[in-house]
């Protein structure tokens, strides 16, 4: 028999028992729908996670001070004040092949006051002119602070959209003044919104200043007065004697006739920072960059061979890879569970096809008696199984798409259409029809025509 007449014969055989055919493909429909829905929801979630990891900074390496052990008690990461602003400059200068930029990081926790309103931001952090680029921030309105602002410990700041909304409402914040402790800062820019991070914290509830402004104006004289190792002597902050630090118009660092130079309220002192952030060129392999940074920092801190590092590094890409791997593992697990239902549906098709061969034994004998070959009988039943599975696959794809859209509408989860999942679904359904339909078709092709005709 030719293919088209054979397909027509298979279709007529299935239409004769529509309810049985529908129940037969139900397992395939459920399995394919589950696979399509899971892959579409999984792809959308993976894309959202990738976007969040991009804002997190997968190409960023954090550098902290090492821990300090006192009487058997560890201070934990960052317990040692061993990092300096000059370290960021040294890394940028000497690691140009592997590093794009570096910035000191200084943090504080204070209230922000505007008029009769106050606000406690989640984050008040300071960096240099590269900080915004490294952390992936964009200035939506206004301007970013510059190298000159950092050098002069300028009283300028950038605010997140949450602070802008709660403290200024519909008013343009740029050019307005805010107070932190007794220091007035001018808002020079509003940051673009980032939303919540993976921990649910509002990333837009932040205030970003020049690191030197936080260190000298908000944290007071927390500079390091003594240096045990050579190398950080260039890390200093200049402060002008004519610069007013507080709202009372009283100079925070009063001048002195004993100063050896003009226009300086105190000698320059080495300033420690809370940490460093470094943007590397290759986020997929940060090891060369971290090795180069280690060499530079050891030289900066005057560490001799054999001495332990007085700093620690953490690669954010490690966390990003862990989250991505966990997401992929969960998606694979769910797809594997959905595949089990496909196997169950295949067993159901085999069972129904065995029943069909038994019911149509006389038909098989009659076809053989008028000249049908065993391969014709085998092809007929095999095509019936494949046709059932492909029909179930098409219905499953439509059902899966509907499920994913309903889930997206009801829960807000992101959904991304997956043509590869649909192609996989059709391929798998056809394969199931061939695998589970082969034995019933083979059994039907081996019937003896005389016995088949006498079958009751």
Protein backbone atom coordinates (compact mmCIF):
# COMPACT_ATOMS: atom_id res chain seq x y z
CA UNK A 1 0.00 0.00 0.00
CA UNK A 2 1.11 3.56 -0.68
CA UNK A 3 1.56 6.05 2.15
CA UNK A 4 -1.50 8.24 1.53
CA UNK A 5 -4.05 5.41 1.29
CA UNK A 6 -2.41 3.86 4.35
CA UNK A 7 -2.80 7.08 6.32
CA UNK A 8 -6.43 7.36 5.27
CA UNK A 9 -7.02 3.79 6.47
CA UNK A 10 -5.38 4.58 9.82
CA UNK A 11 -7.47 7.73 10.25
CA UNK A 12 -10.73 5.88 9.53
CA UNK A 13 -9.79 3.19 12.04
CA UNK A 14 -9.20 5.81 14.74
CA UNK A 15 -12.37 7.77 13.96
CA UNK A 16 -14.47 4.64 14.41
CA UNK A 17 -13.69 4.76 18.16
CA UNK A 18 -13.25 8.48 18.95
CA UNK A 19 -13.68 8.18 22.72
CA UNK A 20 -11.14 5.38 22.98
CA UNK A 21 -8.70 7.32 20.81
CA UNK A 22 -9.16 10.44 22.97
CA UNK A 23 -8.59 8.54 26.20
CA UNK A 24 -5.58 6.85 24.63
CA UNK A 25 -3.84 10.14 23.77
CA UNK A 26 -4.78 11.75 27.10
CA UNK A 27 -1.57 10.56 28.76
CA UNK A 28 0.49 11.99 25.89
CA UNK A 29 -1.41 15.30 26.06
CA UNK A 30 -0.77 15.62 29.80
CA UNK A 31 2.92 14.76 29.47
CA UNK A 32 3.59 17.09 26.53
CA UNK A 33 1.62 19.92 28.15
CA UNK A 34 3.67 19.53 31.33
CA UNK A 35 6.95 19.55 29.40
CA UNK A 36 6.03 22.65 27.38
CA UNK A 37 4.66 24.58 30.36
CA UNK A 38 7.65 23.74 32.58
CA UNK A 39 10.19 24.67 29.89
CA UNK A 40 8.46 27.96 29.07
CA UNK A 41 8.14 28.98 32.72
CA UNK A 42 11.67 27.73 33.38
CA UNK A 43 13.11 29.71 30.45
CA UNK A 44 11.35 32.85 31.62
CA UNK A 45 12.59 32.38 35.18
CA UNK A 46 16.13 31.68 33.96
CA UNK A 47 16.08 34.87 31.89
CA UNK A 48 14.87 36.85 34.91
CA UNK A 49 17.58 35.30 37.09
CA UNK A 50 20.20 36.12 34.46
CA UNK A 51 19.06 39.74 34.42
CA UNK A 52 19.22 39.89 38.22
CA UNK A 53 22.68 38.34 38.20
CA UNK A 54 23.76 40.91 35.63
CA UNK A 55 22.69 43.71 37.96
CA UNK A 56 24.39 41.84 40.79
CA UNK A 57 27.64 42.04 38.84
CA UNK A 58 28.89 38.62 37.77
CA UNK A 59 32.09 40.29 36.53
CA UNK A 60 32.84 41.91 39.90
CA UNK A 61 35.31 40.73 42.53
CA UNK A 62 34.92 41.95 46.11
CA UNK A 63 38.02 42.51 48.24
CA UNK A 64 37.72 42.61 52.05
CA UNK A 65 40.10 42.94 54.94
CA UNK A 66 41.13 39.61 56.45
CA UNK A 67 39.72 38.35 59.73
CA UNK A 68 41.46 38.88 63.06
CA UNK A 69 41.73 36.15 65.71
CA UNK A 70 41.84 37.36 69.30
CA UNK A 71 41.90 34.85 72.17
CA UNK A 72 40.45 32.22 69.88
CA UNK A 73 37.63 34.48 68.66
CA UNK A 74 37.53 35.40 64.98
CA UNK A 75 36.31 38.83 63.97
CA UNK A 76 35.08 37.45 60.65
CA UNK A 77 35.62 38.82 57.18
CA UNK A 78 36.65 42.47 57.10
CA UNK A 79 37.77 42.54 60.72
CA UNK A 80 41.20 43.91 59.83
CA UNK A 81 41.47 47.48 58.53
CA UNK A 82 44.07 46.65 55.91
CA UNK A 83 42.69 48.10 52.67
CA UNK A 84 43.37 51.59 51.39
CA UNK A 85 42.04 53.81 48.65
CA UNK A 86 45.44 53.66 46.97
CA UNK A 87 44.99 49.90 46.56
CA UNK A 88 42.19 50.52 44.05
CA UNK A 89 44.40 52.89 42.08
CA UNK A 90 47.27 50.39 42.11
CA UNK A 91 45.02 47.57 40.86
CA UNK A 92 43.67 49.75 38.05
CA UNK A 93 47.19 50.79 37.05
CA UNK A 94 49.02 47.45 37.24
CA UNK A 95 46.28 44.98 36.23
CA UNK A 96 45.05 46.60 33.04
CA UNK A 97 45.13 43.32 31.08
CA UNK A 98 42.61 41.63 33.36
CA UNK A 99 40.87 44.50 35.20
CA UNK A 100 38.64 47.23 33.80
CA UNK A 101 38.25 49.44 36.88
CA UNK A 102 38.42 49.37 40.68
CA UNK A 103 36.81 51.44 43.42
CA UNK A 104 37.15 51.78 47.19
CA UNK A 105 33.96 51.10 49.15
CA UNK A 106 32.95 52.83 52.39
CA UNK A 107 29.59 52.22 54.10
CA UNK A 108 27.66 53.88 56.87
CA UNK A 109 24.21 53.67 58.47
CA UNK A 110 22.48 56.98 59.07
CA UNK A 111 19.17 58.72 58.62
CA UNK A 112 18.50 61.06 55.73
CA UNK A 113 16.59 64.22 56.62
CA UNK A 114 14.72 66.51 54.24
CA UNK A 115 12.74 69.29 55.88
CA UNK A 116 10.52 67.67 58.50
CA UNK A 117 10.84 64.19 56.98
CA UNK A 118 13.46 61.58 57.62
CA UNK A 119 14.29 58.24 56.03
CA UNK A 120 16.62 55.33 56.86
CA UNK A 121 18.01 53.99 53.58
CA UNK A 122 18.87 50.33 53.22
CA UNK A 123 22.28 51.35 51.91
CA UNK A 124 24.52 54.38 52.20
CA UNK A 125 27.69 53.61 50.32
CA UNK A 126 30.59 55.54 48.90
CA UNK A 127 32.88 54.86 45.96
CA UNK A 128 35.01 56.63 43.41
CA UNK A 129 34.06 57.82 39.93
CA UNK A 130 34.07 54.21 38.64
CA UNK A 131 31.69 52.84 41.29
CA UNK A 132 28.46 53.34 39.34
CA UNK A 133 29.83 51.62 36.24
CA UNK A 134 31.20 48.66 38.21
CA UNK A 135 27.91 48.11 40.05
CA UNK A 136 25.81 48.64 36.91
CA UNK A 137 24.03 51.79 38.06
CA UNK A 138 22.73 54.32 35.56
CA UNK A 139 21.91 57.94 36.34
CA UNK A 140 18.35 58.49 35.15
CA UNK A 141 18.26 62.20 35.88
CA UNK A 142 21.08 64.59 36.70
CA UNK A 143 24.77 63.67 36.69
CA UNK A 144 27.21 61.31 38.38
CA UNK A 145 29.94 62.52 40.71
CA UNK A 146 33.40 62.93 39.21
CA UNK A 147 37.04 62.42 40.17
CA UNK A 148 37.12 66.03 41.39
CA UNK A 149 34.18 65.37 43.70
CA UNK A 150 36.05 62.41 45.19
CA UNK A 151 39.28 64.38 45.51
CA UNK A 152 37.56 67.28 47.27
CA UNK A 153 35.29 65.15 49.49
CA UNK A 154 32.45 67.08 47.91
CA UNK A 155 29.08 67.30 49.60
CA UNK A 156 27.17 65.72 46.72
CA UNK A 157 25.15 62.53 46.49
CA UNK A 158 23.05 60.34 44.24
CA UNK A 159 19.75 58.92 45.47
CA UNK A 160 17.72 55.88 44.46
CA UNK A 161 14.20 56.10 43.13
CA UNK A 162 12.68 54.89 46.42
CA UNK A 163 14.24 57.76 48.37
CA UNK A 164 13.28 60.23 45.65
CA UNK A 165 9.67 59.09 45.78
CA UNK A 166 9.33 59.08 49.56
CA UNK A 167 11.21 62.27 50.41
CA UNK A 168 10.56 64.48 47.39
CA UNK A 169 7.32 62.99 45.97
CA UNK A 170 6.59 64.86 42.71
CA UNK A 171 9.33 67.43 43.22
CA UNK A 172 12.54 67.24 41.17
CA UNK A 173 15.23 66.12 43.67
CA UNK A 174 18.18 67.33 41.58
CA UNK A 175 19.62 70.45 43.18
CA UNK A 176 17.80 69.88 46.47
CA UNK A 177 19.62 69.47 49.78
CA UNK A 178 19.46 66.57 52.20
CA UNK A 179 21.02 66.27 55.64
CA UNK A 180 22.91 63.29 57.00
CA UNK A 181 23.89 63.83 60.64
CA UNK A 182 24.93 67.50 60.62
CA UNK A 183 26.22 67.59 57.07
CA UNK A 184 24.30 69.05 54.16
CA UNK A 185 24.63 67.24 50.81
CA UNK A 186 23.33 68.37 47.44
CA UNK A 187 21.49 65.83 45.28
CA UNK A 188 23.11 65.87 41.85
CA UNK A 189 21.40 62.83 40.33
CA UNK A 190 18.66 60.21 40.61
CA UNK A 191 19.58 56.60 39.87
CA UNK A 192 17.65 54.38 37.49
CA UNK A 193 15.44 51.77 39.13
CA UNK A 194 16.79 48.26 39.73
CA UNK A 195 13.94 46.81 41.78
CA UNK A 196 14.49 44.16 44.43
CA UNK A 197 17.49 41.89 44.64
CA UNK A 198 17.31 38.10 44.95
CA UNK A 199 16.91 38.44 48.71
CA UNK A 200 13.89 40.71 48.36
CA UNK A 201 15.72 43.87 49.47
CA UNK A 202 14.90 47.12 47.70
CA UNK A 203 18.03 48.09 45.75
CA UNK A 204 16.55 51.50 44.94
CA UNK A 205 16.49 52.43 48.63
CA UNK A 206 20.09 53.62 48.47
CA UNK A 207 22.29 56.67 48.71
CA UNK A 208 25.65 56.83 46.88
CA UNK A 209 28.32 59.40 47.70
CA UNK A 210 32.02 59.89 47.02
CA UNK A 211 33.83 57.51 49.37
CA UNK A 212 35.99 60.34 50.72
CA UNK A 213 32.89 62.30 51.72
CA UNK A 214 31.63 59.45 53.89
CA UNK A 215 35.05 58.82 55.40
CA UNK A 216 35.93 62.41 56.30
CA UNK A 217 32.51 63.99 56.82
CA UNK A 218 30.22 61.27 58.20
CA UNK A 219 32.61 58.89 59.91
CA UNK A 220 34.85 61.55 61.39
CA UNK A 221 38.52 60.87 62.12
CA UNK A 222 38.51 57.16 61.39
CA UNK A 223 41.65 57.40 59.34
CA UNK A 224 44.54 55.18 60.24
CA UNK A 225 47.19 57.10 62.16
CA UNK A 226 49.89 54.44 61.99
CA UNK A 227 50.95 52.13 59.21
CA UNK A 228 52.87 48.99 60.00
CA UNK A 229 53.61 48.20 56.36
CA UNK A 230 54.90 50.46 53.67
CA UNK A 231 52.90 50.84 50.53
CA UNK A 232 49.69 52.67 51.41
CA UNK A 233 51.24 56.04 52.02
CA UNK A 234 49.73 57.51 48.89
CA UNK A 235 46.17 56.81 50.08
CA UNK A 236 45.13 60.19 51.38
CA UNK A 237 42.29 62.63 51.27
CA UNK A 238 42.83 66.35 50.98
CA UNK A 239 40.42 68.63 52.81
CA UNK A 240 40.21 72.36 52.29
CA UNK A 241 40.27 74.65 55.32
CA UNK A 242 37.68 76.88 53.69
CA UNK A 243 35.24 74.01 53.20
CA UNK A 244 32.26 74.11 55.59
CA UNK A 245 31.34 70.69 56.88
CA UNK A 246 28.34 71.27 59.10
CA UNK A 247 25.08 73.17 59.06
CA UNK A 248 26.35 75.51 61.77
CA UNK A 249 28.91 76.99 59.33
CA UNK A 250 31.72 76.05 61.71
CA UNK A 251 34.78 74.45 60.14
CA UNK A 252 34.95 70.80 61.15
CA UNK A 253 38.75 70.87 60.90
CA UNK A 254 39.84 74.28 62.19
CA UNK A 255 42.94 75.79 60.63
CA UNK A 256 46.24 76.28 62.47
CA UNK A 257 49.18 78.62 62.08
CA UNK A 258 51.47 75.66 62.74
CA UNK A 259 50.52 73.93 59.51
CA UNK A 260 53.55 73.53 57.22
CA UNK A 261 51.53 74.32 54.11
CA UNK A 262 48.74 76.65 53.11
CA UNK A 263 45.02 75.95 52.90
CA UNK A 264 45.12 72.62 54.80
CA UNK A 265 43.47 72.06 58.19
CA UNK A 266 45.46 68.95 59.12
CA UNK A 267 48.25 66.79 57.74
CA UNK A 268 47.27 64.19 55.18
CA UNK A 269 46.74 60.81 56.77
CA UNK A 270 46.43 57.35 55.35
CA UNK A 271 42.75 56.42 55.07
CA UNK A 272 41.45 52.88 55.32
CA UNK A 273 38.32 51.78 53.49
CA UNK A 274 35.79 49.04 54.15
CA UNK A 275 36.62 47.16 50.97
CA UNK A 276 37.25 47.28 47.25
CA UNK A 277 35.20 46.29 44.23
CA UNK A 278 36.96 45.37 41.01
CA UNK A 279 35.43 44.83 37.57
CA UNK A 280 37.27 42.16 35.60
CA UNK A 281 37.39 41.79 31.83
CA UNK A 282 36.47 38.08 31.66
CA UNK A 283 33.62 37.12 34.00
CA UNK A 284 33.81 33.47 32.92
CA UNK A 285 37.38 33.13 34.24
CA UNK A 286 38.30 35.51 37.02
CA UNK A 287 41.27 33.50 38.29
CA UNK A 288 43.96 35.39 36.29
CA UNK A 289 42.55 38.72 37.47
CA UNK A 290 42.43 37.61 41.10
CA UNK A 291 46.02 36.30 40.91
CA UNK A 292 47.22 39.62 39.47
CA UNK A 293 45.31 41.57 42.11
CA UNK A 294 46.81 39.43 44.87
CA UNK A 295 50.31 40.18 43.62
CA UNK A 296 49.63 43.92 43.51
CA UNK A 297 47.99 44.05 46.96
CA UNK A 298 50.79 42.07 48.61
CA UNK A 299 53.30 44.49 47.12
CA UNK A 300 51.17 47.47 48.22
CA UNK A 301 50.97 46.17 51.78
CA UNK A 302 54.65 45.20 51.94
CA UNK A 303 53.96 41.55 52.71
CA UNK A 304 57.03 39.32 52.67
CA UNK A 305 57.04 35.85 51.05
CA UNK A 306 55.48 33.37 53.44
CA UNK A 307 53.33 35.96 55.21
CA UNK A 308 49.58 35.43 55.08
CA UNK A 309 47.44 37.79 53.02
CA UNK A 310 45.82 40.56 55.05
CA UNK A 311 42.88 40.61 52.65
CA UNK A 312 40.28 38.25 51.19
CA UNK A 313 38.64 38.08 47.76
CA UNK A 314 35.20 36.86 46.77
CA UNK A 315 34.14 36.26 43.19
CA UNK A 316 30.48 37.16 42.58
CA UNK A 317 30.47 34.89 39.53
CA UNK A 318 30.68 31.92 41.90
CA UNK A 319 27.33 32.87 43.39
CA UNK A 320 25.89 33.57 39.94
CA UNK A 321 27.02 30.16 38.67
CA UNK A 322 25.58 28.48 41.76
CA UNK A 323 22.18 30.10 41.28
CA UNK A 324 22.14 29.30 37.55
CA UNK A 325 23.16 25.71 38.21
CA UNK A 326 20.43 25.33 40.84
CA UNK A 327 17.83 26.74 38.44
CA UNK A 328 18.92 24.40 35.64
CA UNK A 329 18.89 21.42 38.02
CA UNK A 330 15.34 22.18 39.15
CA UNK A 331 14.16 22.62 35.55
CA UNK A 332 15.78 19.32 34.54
CA UNK A 333 14.16 17.57 37.51
CA UNK A 334 10.71 18.89 36.65
CA UNK A 335 11.09 17.97 32.97
CA UNK A 336 12.20 14.47 34.01
CA UNK A 337 9.06 14.10 36.11
CA UNK A 338 6.97 15.23 33.13
CA UNK A 339 8.74 12.68 30.94
CA UNK A 340 7.52 9.94 33.27
CA UNK A 341 3.94 10.79 32.34
CA UNK A 342 4.94 10.44 28.66
CA UNK A 343 6.21 6.94 29.35
CA UNK A 344 2.95 6.13 31.13
CA UNK A 345 1.04 7.49 28.14
CA UNK A 346 3.18 5.32 25.83
CA UNK A 347 2.33 2.21 27.83
CA UNK A 348 -1.34 3.13 27.51
CA UNK A 349 -0.96 3.41 23.73
CA UNK A 350 0.73 0.00 23.59
CA UNK A 351 -2.11 -1.49 25.62
CA UNK A 352 -4.80 -0.01 23.37
CA UNK A 353 -2.98 -1.05 20.21
CA UNK A 354 -2.74 -4.63 21.54
CA UNK A 355 -6.50 -4.56 22.10
CA UNK A 356 -6.99 -3.14 18.60
CA UNK A 357 -4.92 -5.93 17.02
CA UNK A 358 -6.99 -8.53 18.87
CA UNK A 359 -10.30 -6.91 17.86
CA UNK A 360 -9.28 -6.63 14.22
CA UNK A 361 -7.78 -10.08 13.79
CA UNK A 362 -10.35 -11.02 11.12
CA UNK A 363 -9.66 -7.74 9.29
CA UNK A 364 -5.95 -8.55 9.32
CA UNK A 365 -6.64 -12.07 7.97
CA UNK A 366 -8.88 -10.69 5.21
CA UNK A 367 -6.25 -8.13 4.14
CA UNK A 368 -3.59 -10.80 4.00
CA UNK A 369 -5.91 -13.07 2.05
CA UNK A 370 -6.36 -10.44 -0.68
CA UNK A 371 -2.61 -9.79 -0.98
CA UNK A 372 -1.48 -7.55 1.87
CA UNK A 373 2.06 -8.28 2.95
CA UNK A 374 3.12 -8.56 6.63
CA UNK A 375 5.02 -5.27 6.27
CA UNK A 376 1.79 -3.56 5.11
CA UNK A 377 -0.01 -4.77 8.23
CA UNK A 378 2.90 -3.67 10.41
CA UNK A 379 3.03 -0.22 8.81
CA UNK A 380 -0.71 0.21 9.24
CA UNK A 381 -0.71 -0.37 13.01
CA UNK A 382 2.58 1.46 13.50
CA UNK A 383 1.24 4.54 11.68
CA UNK A 384 -1.92 4.40 13.79
CA UNK A 385 0.21 4.58 16.96
CA UNK A 386 2.35 7.41 15.55
CA UNK A 387 -0.74 9.31 14.42
CA UNK A 388 -2.23 9.01 17.90
CA UNK A 389 0.96 10.31 19.51
CA UNK A 390 1.44 13.22 17.09
CA UNK A 391 -2.19 14.24 17.63
CA UNK A 392 -1.59 14.06 21.36
CA UNK A 393 1.60 16.10 20.92
CA UNK A 394 -0.21 18.89 19.06
CA UNK A 395 -2.99 19.00 21.66
CA UNK A 396 -0.34 18.90 24.41
CA UNK A 397 1.52 21.87 22.93
CA UNK A 398 -1.67 23.93 22.81
CA UNK A 399 -2.56 22.91 26.37
CA UNK A 400 0.96 23.65 27.64
CA UNK A 401 0.95 27.11 26.06
CA UNK A 402 -2.42 27.82 27.67
CA UNK A 403 -1.19 26.62 31.08
CA UNK A 404 1.96 28.76 30.95
CA UNK A 405 -0.04 31.87 29.99
CA UNK A 406 -2.55 31.25 32.79
CA UNK A 407 0.27 30.77 35.31
CA UNK A 408 1.95 33.98 34.10
CA UNK A 409 -1.30 35.93 34.38
CA UNK A 410 -2.20 34.62 37.83
CA UNK A 411 1.22 34.57 39.52
CA UNK A 412 3.23 37.14 37.59
CA UNK A 413 5.96 34.64 36.81
CA UNK A 414 7.82 35.42 33.56
CA UNK A 415 7.15 33.14 30.60
CA UNK A 416 9.25 32.80 27.46
CA UNK A 417 8.00 30.85 24.46
CA UNK A 418 10.22 27.90 23.58
CA UNK A 419 10.05 26.67 19.96
CA UNK A 420 12.69 24.10 20.83
CA UNK A 421 10.38 22.67 23.51
CA UNK A 422 7.55 22.39 20.98
CA UNK A 423 9.80 20.66 18.45
CA UNK A 424 11.05 18.37 21.19
CA UNK A 425 7.48 17.58 22.19
CA UNK A 426 6.48 16.54 18.66
CA UNK A 427 9.68 14.52 18.23
CA UNK A 428 9.24 12.74 21.55
CA UNK A 429 5.58 11.98 20.86
CA UNK A 430 6.44 10.49 17.45
CA UNK A 431 9.25 8.47 19.03
CA UNK A 432 6.88 7.15 21.69
CA UNK A 433 4.42 6.11 18.97
CA UNK A 434 7.16 4.18 17.16
CA UNK A 435 8.61 2.59 20.32
CA UNK A 436 5.37 1.56 21.97
CA UNK A 437 3.46 0.84 18.77
CA UNK A 438 6.10 -1.42 17.27
CA UNK A 439 5.31 -4.57 19.26
CA UNK A 440 1.52 -4.56 18.63
CA UNK A 441 2.22 -3.87 14.94
CA UNK A 442 4.80 -6.65 14.81
CA UNK A 443 2.41 -9.07 16.50
CA UNK A 444 -0.34 -8.22 14.01
CA UNK A 445 2.00 -8.73 11.04
CA UNK A 446 2.92 -12.23 12.20
CA UNK A 447 -0.65 -13.56 12.30
CA UNK A 448 -1.45 -16.51 10.06
CA UNK A 449 -4.13 -15.54 7.51
CA UNK A 450 -6.12 -18.79 7.89
CA UNK A 451 -6.08 -18.62 11.71
CA UNK A 452 -6.99 -14.94 11.59
CA UNK A 453 -9.99 -15.62 9.35
CA UNK A 454 -11.22 -18.33 11.73
CA UNK A 455 -10.72 -16.13 14.77
CA UNK A 456 -13.85 -15.56 16.88
